[in-house]
C-alpha cells in the first residue's frame, strides 16, 4: 500500500509536466519524474523462478512501474548561467 500511494502521489504532482523544486542550497529548479511501463504478471512469474525471495513491496513496485527517474533536473542554459552567477556571489 505504501509503494502504491507514494507512486500515485508522485504521478499526481508531476501530472502537468515539470514542477518547481527547492534544492538543499535553497535554489529553485524545474524537475520532472518519469515512470516506465509496469511489468506483466507473466514477467514477474518468470522473475520469481530465478529470484524466489524478492520482497513483496518490490514486486508491487514492478507491477506499477518497471523503474522510474525521480526529480530529474530540467535546467535551461539561462538558469545554469544564473545559478553559476549566484554561486560566485555567495
N, C-alpha and C. Protein backbone atom coordinates (compact mmCIF):
# COMPACT_ATOMS: atom_id res chain seq x y z
N UNK A 1 0.82 -1.20 0.00
CA UNK A 1 0.00 0.00 0.00
C UNK A 1 0.86 1.26 0.00
N UNK A 2 1.94 1.24 0.79
CA UNK A 2 2.83 2.40 0.87
C UNK A 2 3.44 2.73 -0.50
N UNK A 3 3.92 1.71 -1.20
CA UNK A 3 4.54 1.90 -2.52
C UNK A 3 3.51 2.48 -3.49
N UNK A 4 2.33 1.89 -3.50
CA UNK A 4 1.28 2.33 -4.41
C UNK A 4 0.89 3.78 -4.16
N UNK A 5 0.70 4.16 -2.91
CA UNK A 5 0.32 5.53 -2.55
C UNK A 5 1.43 6.52 -2.91
N UNK A 6 2.67 6.15 -2.63
CA UNK A 6 3.80 7.03 -2.94
C UNK A 6 3.93 7.28 -4.43
N UNK A 7 3.87 6.22 -5.24
CA UNK A 7 3.96 6.39 -6.69
C UNK A 7 2.79 7.19 -7.24
N UNK A 8 1.60 6.93 -6.74
CA UNK A 8 0.42 7.68 -7.19
C UNK A 8 0.58 9.17 -6.87
N UNK A 9 1.06 9.49 -5.68
CA UNK A 9 1.27 10.89 -5.30
C UNK A 9 2.31 11.55 -6.18
N UNK A 10 3.41 10.86 -6.47
CA UNK A 10 4.44 11.41 -7.35
C UNK A 10 3.90 11.65 -8.75
N UNK A 11 3.09 10.73 -9.23
CA UNK A 11 2.49 10.90 -10.56
C UNK A 11 1.54 12.09 -10.58
N UNK A 12 0.78 12.28 -9.52
CA UNK A 12 -0.17 13.40 -9.45
C UNK A 12 0.54 14.75 -9.43
N UNK A 13 1.57 14.90 -8.60
CA UNK A 13 2.24 16.20 -8.52
C UNK A 13 3.03 16.51 -9.79
N UNK A 14 3.30 15.51 -10.61
CA UNK A 14 4.02 15.73 -11.86
C UNK A 14 3.13 15.55 -13.08
N UNK A 15 1.83 15.53 -12.89
CA UNK A 15 0.90 15.26 -13.99
C UNK A 15 0.87 16.37 -15.05
N UNK A 16 1.30 17.56 -14.70
CA UNK A 16 1.28 18.69 -15.64
C UNK A 16 2.67 18.99 -16.18
N UNK A 17 3.54 18.00 -16.19
CA UNK A 17 4.90 18.20 -16.68
C UNK A 17 5.85 18.45 -15.54
N UNK A 18 6.69 19.45 -15.69
CA UNK A 18 7.69 19.73 -14.66
C UNK A 18 7.09 20.48 -13.49
N UNK A 19 7.84 20.51 -12.41
CA UNK A 19 7.42 21.25 -11.22
C UNK A 19 8.63 21.92 -10.63
N UNK A 20 8.41 22.99 -9.90
CA UNK A 20 9.50 23.71 -9.26
C UNK A 20 9.86 22.99 -7.96
N UNK A 21 11.15 22.76 -7.77
CA UNK A 21 11.66 22.08 -6.59
C UNK A 21 12.73 22.95 -5.97
N UNK A 22 12.90 22.86 -4.67
CA UNK A 22 13.92 23.62 -3.96
C UNK A 22 15.09 22.68 -3.65
N UNK A 23 16.30 23.10 -4.03
CA UNK A 23 17.48 22.29 -3.72
C UNK A 23 17.87 22.48 -2.26
N UNK A 24 18.79 21.64 -1.80
CA UNK A 24 19.22 21.76 -0.40
C UNK A 24 19.99 23.05 -0.14
N UNK A 25 20.46 23.74 -1.20
CA UNK A 25 21.11 25.04 -1.02
C UNK A 25 20.12 26.19 -1.10
N UNK A 26 18.84 25.87 -1.35
CA UNK A 26 17.82 26.91 -1.42
C UNK A 26 17.52 27.41 -2.83
N UNK A 27 18.16 26.86 -3.86
CA UNK A 27 17.91 27.27 -5.23
C UNK A 27 16.66 26.59 -5.76
N UNK A 28 15.93 27.30 -6.61
CA UNK A 28 14.76 26.73 -7.26
C UNK A 28 15.17 26.16 -8.61
N UNK A 29 14.61 25.02 -8.95
CA UNK A 29 14.86 24.44 -10.27
C UNK A 29 13.65 23.64 -10.71
N UNK A 30 13.55 23.43 -12.00
CA UNK A 30 12.47 22.63 -12.56
C UNK A 30 12.89 21.17 -12.59
N UNK A 31 11.98 20.30 -12.20
CA UNK A 31 12.28 18.87 -12.24
C UNK A 31 11.06 18.11 -12.72
N UNK A 32 11.30 16.88 -13.11
CA UNK A 32 10.22 16.02 -13.57
C UNK A 32 10.47 14.60 -13.10
N UNK A 33 9.42 13.81 -13.05
CA UNK A 33 9.51 12.38 -12.73
C UNK A 33 8.97 11.61 -13.93
N UNK A 34 9.66 10.56 -14.31
CA UNK A 34 9.22 9.72 -15.42
C UNK A 34 9.09 8.29 -14.92
N UNK A 35 8.00 7.64 -15.33
CA UNK A 35 7.72 6.28 -14.88
C UNK A 35 7.67 5.34 -16.09
N UNK A 36 8.38 4.24 -15.99
CA UNK A 36 8.35 3.22 -17.04
C UNK A 36 7.06 2.42 -16.94
N UNK A 37 6.74 1.72 -18.03
CA UNK A 37 5.58 0.83 -18.03
C UNK A 37 5.77 -0.26 -16.98
N UNK A 38 4.68 -0.77 -16.48
CA UNK A 38 4.74 -1.83 -15.48
C UNK A 38 5.19 -3.15 -16.12
N UNK A 39 5.58 -4.08 -15.28
CA UNK A 39 5.98 -5.41 -15.70
C UNK A 39 4.73 -6.29 -15.71
N UNK A 40 4.63 -7.17 -16.68
CA UNK A 40 3.47 -8.06 -16.76
C UNK A 40 3.52 -9.12 -15.67
N UNK A 41 2.37 -9.68 -15.36
CA UNK A 41 2.31 -10.77 -14.38
C UNK A 41 3.16 -11.95 -14.83
N UNK A 42 3.18 -12.20 -16.13
CA UNK A 42 4.00 -13.28 -16.68
C UNK A 42 5.49 -13.03 -16.43
N UNK A 43 5.93 -11.78 -16.63
CA UNK A 43 7.34 -11.43 -16.37
C UNK A 43 7.68 -11.61 -14.89
N UNK A 44 6.78 -11.21 -14.02
CA UNK A 44 7.00 -11.37 -12.58
C UNK A 44 7.07 -12.86 -12.23
N UNK A 45 6.21 -13.66 -12.82
CA UNK A 45 6.23 -15.10 -12.60
C UNK A 45 7.61 -15.68 -12.96
N UNK A 46 8.14 -15.30 -14.13
CA UNK A 46 9.45 -15.80 -14.57
C UNK A 46 10.58 -15.25 -13.70
N UNK A 47 10.45 -14.04 -13.24
CA UNK A 47 11.44 -13.45 -12.35
C UNK A 47 11.51 -14.23 -11.03
N UNK A 48 10.35 -14.62 -10.53
CA UNK A 48 10.29 -15.36 -9.28
C UNK A 48 10.84 -16.79 -9.40
N UNK A 49 10.90 -17.30 -10.61
CA UNK A 49 11.52 -18.61 -10.81
C UNK A 49 13.02 -18.54 -10.52
N UNK A 50 13.63 -17.41 -10.87
CA UNK A 50 15.07 -17.23 -10.67
C UNK A 50 15.37 -16.65 -9.30
N UNK A 51 14.59 -15.67 -8.89
CA UNK A 51 14.81 -14.98 -7.61
C UNK A 51 13.60 -15.21 -6.72
N UNK A 52 13.61 -16.26 -5.98
CA UNK A 52 12.43 -16.68 -5.21
C UNK A 52 12.12 -15.80 -4.02
N UNK A 53 13.11 -15.14 -3.47
CA UNK A 53 12.92 -14.40 -2.21
C UNK A 53 12.82 -12.89 -2.39
N UNK A 54 12.27 -12.43 -3.49
CA UNK A 54 12.12 -10.98 -3.69
C UNK A 54 11.07 -10.43 -2.74
N UNK A 55 11.33 -9.27 -2.16
CA UNK A 55 10.36 -8.67 -1.23
C UNK A 55 9.04 -8.35 -1.94
N UNK A 56 7.96 -8.49 -1.22
CA UNK A 56 6.64 -8.24 -1.80
C UNK A 56 6.46 -6.79 -2.23
N UNK A 57 7.08 -5.84 -1.50
CA UNK A 57 6.94 -4.43 -1.89
C UNK A 57 7.67 -4.15 -3.20
N UNK A 58 8.77 -4.88 -3.46
CA UNK A 58 9.46 -4.72 -4.74
C UNK A 58 8.62 -5.29 -5.88
N UNK A 59 7.99 -6.41 -5.65
CA UNK A 59 7.11 -7.00 -6.67
C UNK A 59 5.92 -6.07 -6.95
N UNK A 60 5.40 -5.43 -5.92
CA UNK A 60 4.32 -4.46 -6.10
C UNK A 60 4.81 -3.28 -6.93
N UNK A 61 6.02 -2.80 -6.63
CA UNK A 61 6.63 -1.71 -7.39
C UNK A 61 6.70 -2.08 -8.87
N UNK A 62 7.19 -3.29 -9.17
CA UNK A 62 7.29 -3.73 -10.56
C UNK A 62 5.93 -3.83 -11.24
N UNK A 63 4.91 -4.19 -10.47
CA UNK A 63 3.57 -4.28 -11.06
C UNK A 63 3.00 -2.90 -11.38
N UNK A 64 3.57 -1.85 -10.79
CA UNK A 64 3.12 -0.48 -11.03
C UNK A 64 4.01 0.25 -12.02
N UNK A 65 5.31 0.03 -11.95
CA UNK A 65 6.27 0.65 -12.85
C UNK A 65 7.57 -0.15 -12.84
N UNK A 66 8.14 -0.33 -14.01
CA UNK A 66 9.42 -1.04 -14.11
C UNK A 66 10.56 -0.02 -14.05
N UNK A 67 10.59 0.72 -12.95
CA UNK A 67 11.62 1.73 -12.75
C UNK A 67 11.11 3.12 -13.03
N UNK A 68 11.83 4.09 -12.52
CA UNK A 68 11.44 5.47 -12.71
C UNK A 68 12.66 6.38 -12.51
N UNK A 69 12.54 7.58 -13.04
CA UNK A 69 13.53 8.62 -12.83
C UNK A 69 12.84 9.69 -12.00
N UNK A 70 13.36 9.92 -10.79
CA UNK A 70 12.72 10.86 -9.88
C UNK A 70 13.47 12.18 -9.82
N UNK A 71 12.74 13.26 -9.93
CA UNK A 71 13.26 14.63 -9.78
C UNK A 71 14.44 14.91 -10.71
N UNK A 72 14.28 14.54 -11.97
CA UNK A 72 15.30 14.85 -12.98
C UNK A 72 15.28 16.35 -13.22
N UNK A 73 16.44 16.97 -13.10
CA UNK A 73 16.56 18.42 -13.23
C UNK A 73 16.43 18.82 -14.70
N UNK A 74 15.64 19.85 -14.94
CA UNK A 74 15.44 20.39 -16.28
C UNK A 74 16.01 21.79 -16.34
N UNK A 75 17.31 21.91 -16.42
CA UNK A 75 17.93 23.22 -16.47
C UNK A 75 17.97 23.73 -17.90
N UNK A 76 17.65 25.00 -18.05
CA UNK A 76 17.90 25.67 -19.32
C UNK A 76 19.26 26.35 -19.21
N UNK A 77 19.83 26.73 -20.31
CA UNK A 77 21.13 27.40 -20.31
C UNK A 77 21.08 28.67 -19.48
N UNK A 78 19.98 29.43 -19.59
CA UNK A 78 19.85 30.67 -18.82
C UNK A 78 19.84 30.40 -17.32
N UNK A 79 19.15 29.36 -16.91
CA UNK A 79 19.11 29.03 -15.49
C UNK A 79 20.47 28.57 -15.00
N UNK A 80 21.21 27.83 -15.83
CA UNK A 80 22.54 27.38 -15.44
C UNK A 80 23.48 28.57 -15.25
N UNK A 81 23.38 29.56 -16.14
CA UNK A 81 24.21 30.76 -16.02
C UNK A 81 23.84 31.53 -14.75
N UNK A 82 22.55 31.64 -14.45
CA UNK A 82 22.10 32.34 -13.27
C UNK A 82 22.60 31.65 -12.00
N UNK A 83 22.48 30.34 -11.94
CA UNK A 83 22.94 29.60 -10.76
C UNK A 83 24.46 29.76 -10.58
N UNK A 84 25.20 29.70 -11.68
CA UNK A 84 26.66 29.89 -11.59
C UNK A 84 26.98 31.28 -11.08
N UNK A 85 26.24 32.27 -11.53
CA UNK A 85 26.45 33.65 -11.06
C UNK A 85 26.14 33.75 -9.58
N UNK A 86 25.02 33.16 -9.14
CA UNK A 86 24.62 33.23 -7.75
C UNK A 86 25.64 32.52 -6.83
N UNK A 87 26.19 31.42 -7.30
CA UNK A 87 27.16 30.71 -6.51
C UNK A 87 28.47 31.51 -6.39
N UNK A 88 28.81 32.23 -7.44
CA UNK A 88 30.05 33.02 -7.40
C UNK A 88 29.91 34.23 -6.47
N UNK A 89 28.69 34.72 -6.29
CA UNK A 89 28.44 35.86 -5.42
C UNK A 89 28.49 35.44 -3.95
N UNK A 90 27.97 34.25 -3.65
CA UNK A 90 27.89 33.83 -2.24
C UNK A 90 29.13 33.17 -1.74
